[in-house]
Protein backbone atom coordinates (compact mmCIF):
# COMPACT_ATOMS: atom_id res chain seq x y z
CA MET A 1 163.58 66.02 139.75
CA HIS A 2 160.96 68.40 138.34
CA SER A 3 161.55 71.92 139.61
CA HIS A 4 161.90 75.13 137.65
CA PHE A 5 164.14 78.16 137.58
CA PHE A 6 164.05 81.48 135.77
CA PRO A 7 167.35 83.37 135.70
CA PRO A 8 167.72 87.14 136.09
CA ILE A 9 167.32 87.79 132.36
CA THR A 10 167.45 91.51 131.66
CA ARG A 11 165.13 93.30 129.29
CA GLU A 12 168.14 94.06 127.09
CA GLU A 13 169.07 90.37 126.88
CA ALA A 14 165.51 89.44 125.98
CA ALA A 15 165.38 92.13 123.32
CA ARG A 16 168.28 90.50 121.49
CA LEU A 17 166.01 87.51 120.97
CA ASP A 18 162.72 89.38 120.49
CA PRO A 19 161.86 92.81 121.92
CA GLN A 20 158.15 92.10 121.50
CA GLY A 21 157.79 88.70 123.16
CA ALA A 22 160.94 87.26 124.72
CA PRO A 23 160.79 86.68 128.49
CA TRP A 24 162.76 88.64 131.07
CA LEU A 25 162.64 89.17 134.81
CA GLN A 26 161.53 92.33 136.57
CA ILE A 27 162.64 92.17 140.20
CA SER A 28 160.85 94.26 142.80
CA ALA A 29 161.19 94.58 146.56
CA ALA A 30 160.37 91.94 149.17
CA GLU A 31 161.85 89.03 147.19
CA GLN A 32 159.15 89.30 144.53
CA GLY A 33 159.38 89.60 140.78
CA MET A 34 157.42 89.39 137.56
CA ILE A 35 158.22 87.42 134.44
CA ILE A 36 157.57 89.79 131.53
CA THR A 37 157.18 88.76 127.89
CA GLY A 38 158.13 91.80 125.84
CA SER A 39 156.18 94.41 127.76
CA LYS A 40 153.33 92.19 129.04
CA PRO A 41 153.23 90.75 132.58
CA PHE A 42 153.30 86.96 132.33
CA ARG A 43 153.53 85.58 135.89
CA PRO A 44 154.33 86.89 139.39
CA VAL A 45 157.18 84.93 140.95
CA GLY A 46 159.20 84.65 144.15
CA SER A 47 162.95 84.94 144.56
CA ALA A 48 163.56 81.19 144.93
CA LEU A 49 163.08 81.05 141.17
CA TRP A 50 166.32 82.98 140.50
CA ASP A 51 168.14 83.18 143.84
CA PRO A 52 170.04 79.99 144.78
CA VAL A 53 170.49 81.14 148.37
CA ARG A 54 166.73 81.39 148.83
CA ARG A 55 166.23 78.12 146.98
CA ILE A 56 168.62 76.25 149.28
CA ALA A 57 166.93 77.78 152.34
CA GLU A 58 163.52 76.54 151.13
CA MET A 59 164.99 73.12 150.36
CA ASP A 60 166.26 72.97 153.94
CA GLN A 61 162.81 73.86 155.25
CA ALA A 62 161.22 71.12 153.12
CA GLY A 63 163.83 68.50 153.94
CA VAL A 64 165.02 68.25 150.33
CA ASP A 65 168.67 67.19 150.05
CA GLN A 66 169.08 67.53 146.30
CA GLN A 67 167.06 69.19 143.57
CA ILE A 68 167.16 68.94 139.78
CA MET A 69 166.01 72.16 138.16
CA CYS A 70 165.05 73.02 134.60
CA ALA A 71 163.92 76.00 132.58
CA THR A 72 160.48 77.53 132.87
CA PRO A 73 158.92 76.56 129.50
CA VAL A 74 158.38 80.19 128.48
CA MET A 75 162.18 80.26 128.11
CA PHE A 76 162.28 77.60 125.36
CA GLY A 77 162.45 80.02 122.42
CA TYR A 78 161.26 77.43 119.91
CA ASN A 79 159.54 80.00 117.71
CA TYR A 80 162.66 81.91 116.68
CA PRO A 81 165.22 81.43 113.88
CA ILE A 82 168.02 79.12 114.91
CA GLU A 83 170.65 81.87 114.59
CA LEU A 84 168.84 83.59 117.48
CA ALA A 85 167.53 80.54 119.32
CA LEU A 86 170.83 78.67 119.66
CA PRO A 87 172.74 81.46 121.45
CA TRP A 88 169.65 82.05 123.59
CA ALA A 89 169.56 78.39 124.66
CA GLN A 90 173.30 78.45 125.34
CA ARG A 91 172.90 81.58 127.45
CA MET A 92 170.07 80.00 129.46
CA ASN A 93 172.11 76.84 130.00
CA ASP A 94 175.10 78.86 131.17
CA TYR A 95 172.80 80.71 133.56
CA ALA A 96 171.65 77.36 134.97
CA ILE A 97 175.23 76.25 135.59
CA ALA A 98 175.97 79.54 137.35
CA LEU A 99 172.94 79.16 139.62
CA CYS A 100 173.84 75.59 140.52
CA ALA A 101 177.46 76.56 141.19
CA HIS A 102 176.23 78.07 144.46
CA HIS A 103 175.91 74.52 145.80
CA PRO A 104 176.70 71.98 143.06
CA GLN A 105 176.12 68.95 145.27
CA ARG A 106 172.55 70.01 146.02
CA LEU A 107 171.50 71.75 142.80
CA LYS A 108 171.69 69.96 139.47
CA PRO A 109 170.59 71.46 136.13
CA LEU A 110 168.79 70.18 133.03
CA ALA A 111 169.53 72.04 129.79
CA GLN A 112 167.21 73.35 127.11
CA VAL A 113 167.87 72.80 123.40
CA PRO A 114 166.53 74.46 120.22
CA LEU A 115 164.06 71.96 118.74
CA GLN A 116 163.68 74.04 115.56
CA ASP A 117 167.08 72.66 114.40
CA ILE A 118 167.70 69.08 115.49
CA GLU A 119 171.39 69.06 114.59
CA ALA A 120 171.90 72.17 116.72
CA ALA A 121 169.78 70.61 119.46
CA CYS A 122 172.00 67.52 119.50
CA ARG A 123 175.15 69.63 119.62
CA GLU A 124 173.82 71.77 122.46
CA ALA A 125 172.70 68.68 124.41
CA SER A 126 176.26 67.35 124.20
CA ARG A 127 177.80 70.73 125.05
CA ALA A 128 175.49 71.10 128.03
CA LYS A 129 176.49 67.67 129.30
CA SER A 130 180.16 68.62 128.99
CA ILE A 131 179.71 71.69 131.22
CA GLY A 132 177.75 69.96 133.97
CA HIS A 133 174.11 69.49 132.97
CA ILE A 134 172.83 66.04 133.93
CA GLY A 135 170.19 65.88 131.18
CA ILE A 136 167.89 68.02 129.06
CA GLN A 137 164.31 69.20 129.22
CA ILE A 138 162.26 69.48 126.03
CA GLY A 139 158.71 70.46 125.21
CA ASN A 140 156.41 67.62 124.21
CA HIS A 141 156.09 68.87 120.63
CA PHE A 142 157.44 71.40 118.18
CA GLY A 143 154.65 72.92 116.13
CA ASN A 144 152.86 69.95 114.56
CA LYS A 145 155.78 67.62 115.21
CA ASP A 146 155.09 65.21 118.05
CA LEU A 147 157.74 63.01 119.62
CA ASP A 148 157.40 60.35 116.92
CA ASP A 149 158.46 62.81 114.20
CA ALA A 150 161.64 61.76 112.39
CA ASP A 151 163.53 64.85 113.58
CA MET A 152 162.50 64.33 117.18
CA LEU A 153 163.59 60.69 116.99
CA ILE A 154 167.05 61.84 115.88
CA LEU A 155 167.33 63.85 119.11
CA LEU A 156 166.00 61.00 121.26
CA ALA A 157 168.43 58.54 119.68
CA HIS A 158 171.30 60.99 120.15
CA CYS A 159 170.47 61.33 123.84
CA ALA A 160 170.19 57.55 124.19
CA ASN A 161 173.59 57.03 122.59
CA GLU A 162 175.25 59.85 124.54
CA GLY A 163 173.73 58.89 127.91
CA ILE A 164 171.71 62.12 128.23
CA PRO A 165 168.42 61.71 130.16
CA LEU A 166 165.37 63.69 129.01
CA LEU A 167 162.48 65.27 130.86
CA VAL A 168 159.48 65.97 128.61
CA HIS A 169 157.37 68.91 129.76
CA PRO A 170 154.08 69.99 128.16
CA TRP A 171 153.95 73.45 126.64
CA ASP A 172 152.01 75.42 123.98
CA MET A 173 148.86 73.58 124.97
CA MET A 174 146.13 72.45 122.60
CA GLY A 175 142.68 74.01 122.56
CA GLY A 176 143.55 77.65 121.98
CA GLU A 177 141.99 80.75 123.50
CA GLN A 178 138.55 80.03 122.08
CA ARG A 179 138.10 76.76 123.98
CA MET A 180 140.50 77.17 126.92
CA LYS A 181 139.35 80.68 127.66
CA LYS A 182 139.67 80.97 131.46
CA TRP A 183 139.97 79.17 134.82
CA MET A 184 143.49 78.00 133.86
CA LEU A 185 141.94 75.33 131.63
CA PRO A 186 145.10 74.99 129.51
CA TRP A 187 146.96 73.87 132.65
CA LEU A 188 144.13 71.72 134.00
CA VAL A 189 142.89 70.02 130.83
CA ALA A 190 145.32 70.51 127.97
CA MET A 191 148.57 69.89 129.87
CA PRO A 192 147.60 66.33 130.89
CA ALA A 193 146.34 65.68 127.36
CA GLU A 194 149.56 66.99 125.80
CA THR A 195 151.61 64.66 127.99
CA GLN A 196 149.48 61.64 127.15
CA LEU A 197 149.80 62.57 123.48
CA GLY A 198 153.58 62.59 123.80
CA ILE A 199 153.64 59.13 125.38
CA LEU A 200 151.15 57.59 122.96
CA SER A 201 152.92 59.08 119.95
CA LEU A 202 156.00 57.06 120.91
CA ILE A 203 154.05 53.88 121.68
CA LEU A 204 151.50 53.73 118.86
CA SER A 205 153.90 54.91 116.14
CA GLY A 206 156.28 52.06 116.90
CA ALA A 207 159.01 54.55 117.84
CA PHE A 208 159.95 52.62 120.95
CA GLU A 209 160.66 49.64 118.68
CA LYS A 210 163.27 51.74 116.84
CA LEU A 211 164.82 53.66 119.72
CA PRO A 212 167.63 52.16 121.84
CA ARG A 213 166.58 50.75 125.17
CA SER A 214 169.30 52.92 126.66
CA LEU A 215 166.99 55.94 126.18
CA LYS A 216 166.08 57.51 129.52
CA ILE A 217 162.95 59.59 129.08
CA CYS A 218 160.60 60.90 131.77
CA PHE A 219 157.23 62.62 131.38
CA ALA A 220 156.17 65.36 133.81
CA HIS A 221 152.96 65.61 135.85
CA GLY A 222 152.60 61.88 136.35
CA GLY A 223 152.45 61.26 132.62
CA GLY A 224 149.31 63.39 132.40
CA SER A 225 146.18 61.34 131.72
CA PHE A 226 148.11 58.28 130.50
CA ALA A 227 147.77 55.93 133.48
CA PHE A 228 144.05 56.53 134.00
CA LEU A 229 143.23 55.99 130.31
CA LEU A 230 145.65 53.15 129.54
CA GLY A 231 142.84 50.59 129.70
CA ARG A 232 141.02 52.48 126.96
CA VAL A 233 144.14 52.40 124.79
CA ASP A 234 144.70 48.67 125.35
CA ASN A 235 141.08 47.97 124.52
CA ALA A 236 141.35 49.96 121.29
CA TRP A 237 144.52 48.05 120.34
CA ARG A 238 142.72 44.74 120.80
CA GLU A 239 139.61 45.76 118.87
CA ARG A 240 140.89 47.93 116.00
CA ASP A 241 143.58 46.90 113.54
CA ILE A 242 144.34 50.56 112.76
CA ILE A 243 145.73 50.90 116.30
CA ARG A 244 147.94 47.84 115.77
CA GLU A 245 149.21 49.01 112.39
CA ASP A 246 152.48 50.46 113.74
CA CYS A 247 152.39 49.13 117.30
CA PRO A 248 153.19 45.41 117.43
CA ARG A 249 152.60 44.92 121.15
CA LEU A 250 149.91 45.79 123.67
CA PRO A 251 150.38 49.48 124.57
CA SER A 252 150.58 48.75 128.29
CA SER A 253 153.63 46.54 127.64
CA TYR A 254 155.68 49.68 126.89
CA VAL A 255 155.55 51.12 130.39
CA ASP A 256 159.07 49.77 130.93
CA ARG A 257 160.40 52.22 128.30
CA PHE A 258 159.78 55.49 130.16
CA TYR A 259 159.41 57.14 133.55
CA VAL A 260 157.01 59.66 135.06
CA ASP A 261 157.16 62.03 138.00
CA SER A 262 154.91 61.98 141.06
CA ALA A 263 153.25 65.40 140.67
CA VAL A 264 149.61 64.26 140.66
CA PHE A 265 148.47 65.77 144.01
CA ASP A 266 146.10 62.98 145.04
CA ALA A 267 146.95 59.80 146.94
CA ARG A 268 144.55 57.65 144.92
CA ALA A 269 146.04 58.95 141.68
CA LEU A 270 149.60 58.33 142.84
CA GLU A 271 148.80 54.81 144.01
CA LEU A 272 147.21 54.05 140.62
CA LEU A 273 150.20 55.57 138.86
CA VAL A 274 152.67 53.41 140.79
CA ASP A 275 150.50 50.36 140.19
CA VAL A 276 150.48 51.02 136.43
CA MET A 277 154.11 52.10 136.00
CA GLY A 278 155.80 50.07 138.72
CA GLU A 279 157.51 51.51 141.78
CA GLU A 280 160.84 51.69 139.93
CA ARG A 281 159.50 54.10 137.25
CA VAL A 282 158.05 56.99 139.28
CA MET A 283 160.26 59.81 140.62
CA LEU A 284 159.58 62.64 143.03
CA GLY A 285 158.61 65.75 141.09
CA SER A 286 157.04 68.85 142.58
CA ASP A 287 156.87 71.65 139.96
CA TYR A 288 158.56 73.82 142.63
CA PRO A 289 158.43 76.76 143.14
CA TYR A 290 155.24 77.50 141.23
CA PRO A 291 151.82 77.67 142.94
CA LEU A 292 150.49 74.64 141.04
CA GLY A 293 153.34 72.57 142.45
CA GLU A 294 153.39 70.43 145.58
CA ARG A 295 153.61 72.82 148.51
CA GLN A 296 155.18 70.32 150.92
CA VAL A 297 157.58 68.50 148.66
CA GLY A 298 157.39 64.72 149.08
CA GLN A 299 154.38 64.80 151.39
CA LEU A 300 152.13 62.92 148.99
CA ILE A 301 154.56 60.01 148.65
CA ARG A 302 155.06 59.83 152.40
CA HIS A 303 151.30 59.76 153.06
CA CYS A 304 150.54 56.95 150.63
CA HIS A 305 150.48 53.31 151.68
CA PHE A 306 153.79 52.30 150.10
CA SER A 307 156.36 49.92 151.52
CA GLY A 308 159.54 51.40 152.90
CA GLN A 309 161.46 50.22 149.86
CA ALA A 310 158.94 51.73 147.45
CA ARG A 311 158.94 55.02 149.35
CA GLU A 312 162.74 55.23 149.19
CA ARG A 313 162.68 54.55 145.46
CA LEU A 314 160.06 57.20 144.81
CA LEU A 315 161.69 59.85 146.99
CA SER A 316 165.25 59.44 145.73
CA GLY A 317 166.44 56.07 144.49
CA ASN A 318 164.77 56.12 141.09
CA ALA A 319 165.98 59.63 140.29
CA ARG A 320 169.54 58.84 141.37
CA CYS A 321 169.54 55.87 139.01
CA PHE A 322 167.83 57.72 136.14
CA PHE A 323 170.16 60.72 136.24
CA GLY A 324 173.29 58.89 137.39
CA ILE A 325 173.82 60.96 140.54
């Protein structure tokens, strides 16, 4: 339930959003391409990212029956005026529907929405649901607004009331070029921290006390560093009244309010994650088809010492329930 796509956006389409920085796809021979931002190479990619025929073939090879796909975060367009960002999001969501139409029983899309205008984001979430999206994907923050911001809570409440599941994906990572200068440190250090920040912003702010329990929200990459550091958070809640100021219950008691995916790449980490979250709150995610994703999708779950029932839940049952498929 965590795989990405990037549609065949032309340079001309991207230029209508921003000729200097909007992403588009340059396709070369041998099923290879390059995501370009403006005129700068961003990431080399393979054809499974935009070609549903190739994607289905690779799913068959991996033994994947059904896949939920969402935008590559560089597509979000959060930095642009809403009069440009809304039609861009709508175009990307229509692209996703077209890609999934190749095999709608096996490919299911999540929509993107323009977080810079929450009313527009709510409208687009509802429109996307009406045309076949089974949920939305959002970044974990918008500028300095984390998930506990009043605007973000409007969107979360809208999705809860409309039955629209959310996947929260880290983006625009903390640290900046001065501290995260090389070795993919933004992906290795800041991404897990951003995800933990998103979860804790909802717990410690008391947001989960205000949001309907019908909210279905999942955090990518195993919830980042959350599970490993939850003991530290609980200890702080017990010892410091400033932590308890807006959070009336022990932080670990809120694990029944959200889900995480399984993309942690280590058996010990996954077993800890399932122990912390419960076997009913972890779903198979791979980050396919990017190189930092799980190369043999589902292999980690199958190799861990889970019961047959737990394995079935992790591989498919939890996601079917979460997304209503």
